[in-house]
Amino acid sequence: MLDVSVSYNRYKFIGYEFLTWLWFSIENQPECLPAAAKNLDSLTIGNRMVIEKRRKEEVLEAITIKGDDAGLEEGLLALKKGAVVTEMNLVQTMGEHVWSFNLKGESLNISSLKTPPVAPVESGDDIEGAVIEKTYLYEQVLNFIHNLFKLFIKDRVSDSWPKTVNHMKKWINS
């Protein structure tokens, strides 16, 4: 059995592939994403993305794209050069509810999570309900990411993965 740190370093590329696949899926196959959440209306790339070209553990080139109206052309150019997405900001919409969060590829850590607002706490009795509601909103994002990753892994280990890679290459080079 591998040591945890050895496994982490050996297989963190899977997270980078996942985020690159996710970008591709958002742009080209948005119809497959609702399988990860029943009431998903949309999943979009938010206002930040980090793309890195690496050789072993060394980062050769890093590009950070920021801004609400930032174009992702530079990111596609970096992908053409062999880079992968290492971090991205995502906006998830389900009905009237909107979540915004950053997702890191190497660990699938979620940061800067903004959930839909909960009802205001007007008395001490309302605190428990607000905590439960906030916890439920956090669980929605965690379950969604878990299900998205499951979709990716099913594709990654299937016989159709080479076909997916070819579609991704065409998208990158278009």
C-alpha atoms as a PDB file:
ATOM      1  CA  MET A   1       0.000   0.000   0.000  1.00  0.00           C
ATOM      2  CA  LEU A   2       1.296   3.421  -0.948  1.00  0.00           C
ATOM      3  CA  ASP A   3       1.978   6.101   1.590  1.00  0.00           C
ATOM      4  CA  VAL A   4      -0.639   8.863   1.444  1.00  0.00           C
ATOM      5  CA  SER A   5       1.847  11.548   0.396  1.00  0.00           C
ATOM      6  CA  VAL A   6       3.280   9.318  -2.344  1.00  0.00           C
ATOM      7  CA  SER A   7      -0.230   8.595  -3.671  1.00  0.00           C
ATOM      8  CA  TYR A   8      -1.153  12.268  -3.508  1.00  0.00           C
ATOM      9  CA  ASN A   9       1.849  13.319  -5.566  1.00  0.00           C
ATOM     10  CA  ARG A  10       1.628  10.405  -7.974  1.00  0.00           C
ATOM     11  CA  TYR A  11      -2.056  10.828  -8.840  1.00  0.00           C
ATOM     12  CA  LYS A  12      -2.729  14.565  -8.559  1.00  0.00           C
ATOM     13  CA  PHE A  13      -2.646  14.760 -12.365  1.00  0.00           C
ATOM     14  CA  ILE A  14      -6.130  13.174 -12.291  1.00  0.00           C
ATOM     15  CA  GLY A  15      -7.506  16.360 -10.713  1.00  0.00           C
ATOM     16  CA  TYR A  16      -5.878  18.488 -13.417  1.00  0.00           C
ATOM     17  CA  GLU A  17      -7.365  16.250 -16.102  1.00  0.00           C
ATOM     18  CA  PHE A  18     -10.723  16.509 -14.345  1.00  0.00           C
ATOM     19  CA  LEU A  19     -10.726  20.322 -14.428  1.00  0.00           C
ATOM     20  CA  THR A  20      -9.613  20.353 -18.069  1.00  0.00           C
ATOM     21  CA  TRP A  21     -12.365  17.847 -18.919  1.00  0.00           C
ATOM     22  CA  LEU A  22     -14.844  19.952 -16.939  1.00  0.00           C
ATOM     23  CA  TRP A  23     -13.984  23.080 -18.930  1.00  0.00           C
ATOM     24  CA  PHE A  24     -14.402  21.077 -22.139  1.00  0.00           C
ATOM     25  CA  SER A  25     -17.736  19.687 -20.915  1.00  0.00           C
ATOM     26  CA  ILE A  26     -19.067  23.111 -19.905  1.00  0.00           C
ATOM     27  CA  GLU A  27     -18.195  24.495 -23.344  1.00  0.00           C
ATOM     28  CA  ASN A  28     -19.152  21.508 -25.503  1.00  0.00           C
ATOM     29  CA  GLN A  29     -21.335  19.030 -23.614  1.00  0.00           C
ATOM     30  CA  PRO A  30     -23.435  20.992 -21.111  1.00  0.00           C
ATOM     31  CA  GLU A  31     -26.230  18.459 -21.532  1.00  0.00           C
ATOM     32  CA  CYS A  32     -24.179  15.801 -19.672  1.00  0.00           C
ATOM     33  CA  LEU A  33     -23.706  17.972 -16.557  1.00  0.00           C
ATOM     34  CA  PRO A  34     -27.252  17.741 -15.125  1.00  0.00           C
ATOM     35  CA  ALA A  35     -26.533  14.069 -14.429  1.00  0.00           C
ATOM     36  CA  ALA A  36     -24.427  15.353 -11.511  1.00  0.00           C
ATOM     37  CA  ALA A  37     -27.300  17.299  -9.904  1.00  0.00           C
ATOM     38  CA  LYS A  38     -31.027  16.835 -10.353  1.00  0.00           C
ATOM     39  CA  ASN A  39     -32.006  20.485 -10.467  1.00  0.00           C
ATOM     40  CA  LEU A  40     -28.932  21.926 -12.175  1.00  0.00           C
ATOM     41  CA  ASP A  41     -29.850  24.794 -14.454  1.00  0.00           C
ATOM     42  CA  SER A  42     -26.325  25.797 -15.396  1.00  0.00           C
ATOM     43  CA  LEU A  43     -22.666  25.446 -14.560  1.00  0.00           C
ATOM     44  CA  THR A  44     -20.407  28.174 -15.866  1.00  0.00           C
ATOM     45  CA  ILE A  45     -16.808  29.190 -15.506  1.00  0.00           C
ATOM     46  CA  GLY A  46     -16.581  32.108 -13.126  1.00  0.00           C
ATOM     47  CA  ASN A  47     -14.074  34.902 -12.926  1.00  0.00           C
ATOM     48  CA  ARG A  48     -10.805  33.013 -12.339  1.00  0.00           C
ATOM     49  CA  MET A  49      -8.851  30.155 -13.869  1.00  0.00           C
ATOM     50  CA  VAL A  50      -5.269  28.977 -13.383  1.00  0.00           C
ATOM     51  CA  ILE A  51      -3.584  26.985 -16.137  1.00  0.00           C
ATOM     52  CA  GLU A  52      -0.113  25.513 -15.775  1.00  0.00           C
ATOM     53  CA  LYS A  53       2.338  23.758 -18.009  1.00  0.00           C
ATOM     54  CA  ARG A  54       4.412  21.354 -15.940  1.00  0.00           C
ATOM     55  CA  ARG A  55       7.304  18.992 -16.360  1.00  0.00           C
ATOM     56  CA  LYS A  56       7.285  16.497 -13.516  1.00  0.00           C
ATOM     57  CA  GLU A  57       6.928  18.671 -10.406  1.00  0.00           C
ATOM     58  CA  GLU A  58       8.300  21.865 -11.959  1.00  0.00           C
ATOM     59  CA  VAL A  59       5.930  24.560 -13.207  1.00  0.00           C
ATOM     60  CA  LEU A  60       7.288  25.832 -16.523  1.00  0.00           C
ATOM     61  CA  GLU A  61       4.530  28.312 -17.274  1.00  0.00           C
ATOM     62  CA  ALA A  62       1.515  29.528 -15.280  1.00  0.00           C
ATOM     63  CA  ILE A  63      -1.332  31.624 -16.572  1.00  0.00           C
ATOM     64  CA  THR A  64      -3.998  33.157 -14.355  1.00  0.00           C
ATOM     65  CA  ILE A  65      -7.079  34.516 -16.079  1.00  0.00           C
ATOM     66  CA  LYS A  66      -9.117  36.863 -13.895  1.00  0.00           C
ATOM     67  CA  GLY A  67     -12.087  39.113 -14.423  1.00  0.00           C
ATOM     68  CA  ASP A  68     -15.802  38.874 -14.931  1.00  0.00           C
ATOM     69  CA  ASP A  69     -15.564  39.417 -18.686  1.00  0.00           C
ATOM     70  CA  ALA A  70     -12.154  37.823 -19.229  1.00  0.00           C
ATOM     71  CA  GLY A  71     -11.764  35.848 -22.426  1.00  0.00           C
ATOM     72  CA  LEU A  72     -10.445  32.322 -22.206  1.00  0.00           C
ATOM     73  CA  GLU A  73      -8.528  32.407 -25.505  1.00  0.00           C
ATOM     74  CA  GLU A  74      -5.185  32.569 -23.674  1.00  0.00           C
ATOM     75  CA  GLY A  75      -6.215  29.495 -21.732  1.00  0.00           C
ATOM     76  CA  LEU A  76      -6.945  27.568 -24.911  1.00  0.00           C
ATOM     77  CA  LEU A  77      -3.584  28.650 -26.289  1.00  0.00           C
ATOM     78  CA  ALA A  78      -1.918  27.326 -23.135  1.00  0.00           C
ATOM     79  CA  LEU A  79      -3.793  24.027 -23.528  1.00  0.00           C
ATOM     80  CA  LYS A  80      -2.439  23.810 -27.101  1.00  0.00           C
ATOM     81  CA  LYS A  81       1.060  24.022 -25.610  1.00  0.00           C
ATOM     82  CA  GLY A  82       0.325  21.097 -23.285  1.00  0.00           C
ATOM     83  CA  ALA A  83      -0.870  22.910 -20.174  1.00  0.00           C
ATOM     84  CA  VAL A  84      -3.703  21.766 -17.913  1.00  0.00           C
ATOM     85  CA  VAL A  85      -6.231  23.559 -15.736  1.00  0.00           C
ATOM     86  CA  THR A  86      -5.098  23.496 -12.107  1.00  0.00           C
ATOM     87  CA  GLU A  87      -7.735  25.730 -10.537  1.00  0.00           C
ATOM     88  CA  MET A  88     -11.012  27.281 -11.636  1.00  0.00           C
ATOM     89  CA  ASN A  89     -13.866  29.343 -10.316  1.00  0.00           C
ATOM     90  CA  LEU A  90     -17.281  27.852 -11.013  1.00  0.00           C
ATOM     91  CA  VAL A  91     -20.800  29.240 -10.771  1.00  0.00           C
ATOM     92  CA  GLN A  92     -23.534  26.676 -10.188  1.00  0.00           C
ATOM     93  CA  THR A  93     -27.195  27.652 -10.637  1.00  0.00           C
ATOM     94  CA  MET A  94     -30.123  25.578  -9.426  1.00  0.00           C
ATOM     95  CA  GLY A  95     -33.426  27.415  -9.734  1.00  0.00           C
ATOM     96  CA  GLU A  96     -33.093  30.727  -7.934  1.00  0.00           C
ATOM     97  CA  HIS A  97     -30.049  29.515  -5.992  1.00  0.00           C
ATOM     98  CA  VAL A  98     -26.509  30.396  -7.076  1.00  0.00           C
ATOM     99  CA  TRP A  99     -23.258  29.031  -5.669  1.00  0.00           C
ATOM    100  CA  SER A 100     -19.816  30.355  -6.529  1.00  0.00           C
ATOM    101  CA  PHE A 101     -16.593  28.582  -5.552  1.00  0.00           C
ATOM    102  CA  ASN A 102     -13.001  27.831  -6.513  1.00  0.00           C
ATOM    103  CA  LEU A 103     -11.971  24.246  -7.151  1.00  0.00           C
ATOM    104  CA  LYS A 104      -8.324  23.132  -7.000  1.00  0.00           C
ATOM    105  CA  GLY A 105      -7.364  20.247  -9.250  1.00  0.00           C
ATOM    106  CA  GLU A 106      -4.631  18.553  -7.249  1.00  0.00           C
ATOM    107  CA  SER A 107      -6.773  18.027  -4.149  1.00  0.00           C
ATOM    108  CA  LEU A 108     -10.321  18.914  -5.259  1.00  0.00           C
ATOM    109  CA  ASN A 109     -10.396  21.417  -2.401  1.00  0.00           C
ATOM    110  CA  ILE A 110     -13.187  23.949  -2.520  1.00  0.00           C
ATOM    111  CA  SER A 111     -12.421  27.503  -1.461  1.00  0.00           C
ATOM    112  CA  SER A 112     -14.141  30.893  -1.563  1.00  0.00           C
ATOM    113  CA  LEU A 113     -17.530  29.194  -1.418  1.00  0.00           C
ATOM    114  CA  LYS A 114     -20.452  31.580  -1.627  1.00  0.00           C
ATOM    115  CA  THR A 115     -23.804  29.932  -1.074  1.00  0.00           C
ATOM    116  CA  PRO A 116     -27.266  31.332  -1.639  1.00  0.00           C
ATOM    117  CA  PRO A 117     -28.334  33.497   1.292  1.00  0.00           C
ATOM    118  CA  VAL A 118     -30.184  31.904   4.183  1.00  0.00           C
ATOM    119  CA  ALA A 119     -33.120  33.441   5.995  1.00  0.00           C
ATOM    120  CA  PRO A 120     -32.065  36.134   8.451  1.00  0.00           C
ATOM    121  CA  VAL A 121     -31.693  35.120  12.077  1.00  0.00           C
ATOM    122  CA  GLU A 122     -34.122  37.207  14.085  1.00  0.00           C
ATOM    123  CA  SER A 123     -34.004  35.350  17.378  1.00  0.00           C
ATOM    124  CA  GLY A 124     -31.972  32.742  19.198  1.00  0.00           C
ATOM    125  CA  ASP A 125     -34.422  30.067  18.134  1.00  0.00           C
ATOM    126  CA  ASP A 126     -33.640  30.755  14.460  1.00  0.00           C
ATOM    127  CA  ILE A 127     -29.920  29.966  14.800  1.00  0.00           C
ATOM    128  CA  GLU A 128     -30.312  26.206  14.625  1.00  0.00           C
ATOM    129  CA  GLY A 129     -32.452  26.423  11.471  1.00  0.00           C
ATOM    130  CA  ALA A 130     -29.978  28.797   9.813  1.00  0.00           C
ATOM    131  CA  VAL A 131     -27.062  26.453  10.587  1.00  0.00           C
ATOM    132  CA  ILE A 132     -28.948  23.458   9.224  1.00  0.00           C
ATOM    133  CA  GLU A 133     -29.905  25.377   6.081  1.00  0.00           C
ATOM    134  CA  LYS A 134     -26.311  26.565   5.536  1.00  0.00           C
ATOM    135  CA  THR A 135     -25.018  23.017   6.042  1.00  0.00           C
ATOM    136  CA  TYR A 136     -27.525  21.780   3.467  1.00  0.00           C
ATOM    137  CA  LEU A 137     -26.286  24.389   0.972  1.00  0.00           C
ATOM    138  CA  TYR A 138     -22.669  23.299   1.547  1.00  0.00           C
ATOM    139  CA  GLU A 139     -23.675  19.663   1.030  1.00  0.00           C
ATOM    140  CA  GLN A 140     -25.264  20.565  -2.306  1.00  0.00           C
ATOM    141  CA  VAL A 141     -21.899  21.750  -3.658  1.00  0.00           C
ATOM    142  CA  LEU A 142     -19.946  18.833  -2.189  1.00  0.00           C
ATOM    143  CA  ASN A 143     -22.368  16.284  -3.639  1.00  0.00           C
ATOM    144  CA  PHE A 144     -22.334  18.050  -6.989  1.00  0.00           C
ATOM    145  CA  ILE A 145     -18.519  17.992  -7.227  1.00  0.00           C
ATOM    146  CA  HIS A 146     -18.495  14.360  -6.088  1.00  0.00           C
ATOM    147  CA  ASN A 147     -21.004  13.423  -8.808  1.00  0.00           C
ATOM    148  CA  LEU A 148     -19.142  15.419 -11.473  1.00  0.00           C
ATOM    149  CA  PHE A 149     -15.915  13.646 -10.534  1.00  0.00           C
ATOM    150  CA  LYS A 150     -17.745  10.316 -10.715  1.00  0.00           C
ATOM    151  CA  LEU A 151     -18.917  11.170 -14.257  1.00  0.00           C
ATOM    152  CA  PHE A 152     -15.337  12.036 -15.199  1.00  0.00           C
ATOM    153  CA  ILE A 153     -13.864   8.840 -13.719  1.00  0.00           C
ATOM    154  CA  LYS A 154     -16.490   6.684 -15.460  1.00  0.00           C
ATOM    155  CA  ASP A 155     -15.512   8.326 -18.748  1.00  0.00           C
ATOM    156  CA  ARG A 156     -11.787   8.184 -17.913  1.00  0.00           C
ATOM    157  CA  VAL A 157     -11.735   4.416 -17.334  1.00  0.00           C
ATOM    158  CA  SER A 158     -14.173   3.543 -20.130  1.00  0.00           C
ATOM    159  CA  ASP A 159     -13.336   2.388 -23.619  1.00  0.00           C
ATOM    160  CA  SER A 160     -14.686   5.689 -24.941  1.00  0.00           C
ATOM    161  CA  TRP A 161     -11.963   7.788 -23.241  1.00  0.00           C
ATOM    162  CA  PRO A 162      -9.774   7.968 -26.399  1.00  0.00           C
ATOM    163  CA  LYS A 163     -12.809   9.346 -28.253  1.00  0.00           C
ATOM    164  CA  THR A 164     -13.297  11.979 -25.533  1.00  0.00           C
ATOM    165  CA  VAL A 165      -9.603  12.920 -25.744  1.00  0.00           C
ATOM    166  CA  ASN A 166      -9.942  13.332 -29.527  1.00  0.00           C
ATOM    167  CA  HIS A 167     -12.968  15.605 -29.053  1.00  0.00           C
ATOM    168  CA  MET A 168     -11.019  17.627 -26.490  1.00  0.00           C
ATOM    169  CA  LYS A 169      -8.056  17.951 -28.869  1.00  0.00           C
ATOM    170  CA  LYS A 170     -10.346  19.178 -31.659  1.00  0.00           C
ATOM    171  CA  TRP A 171     -11.865  21.728 -29.277  1.00  0.00           C
ATOM    172  CA  ILE A 172      -8.435  22.922 -28.137  1.00  0.00           C
ATOM    173  CA  ASN A 173      -7.172  23.265 -31.705  1.00  0.00           C
ATOM    174  CA  SER A 174     -10.303  24.910 -33.106  1.00  0.00           C
END
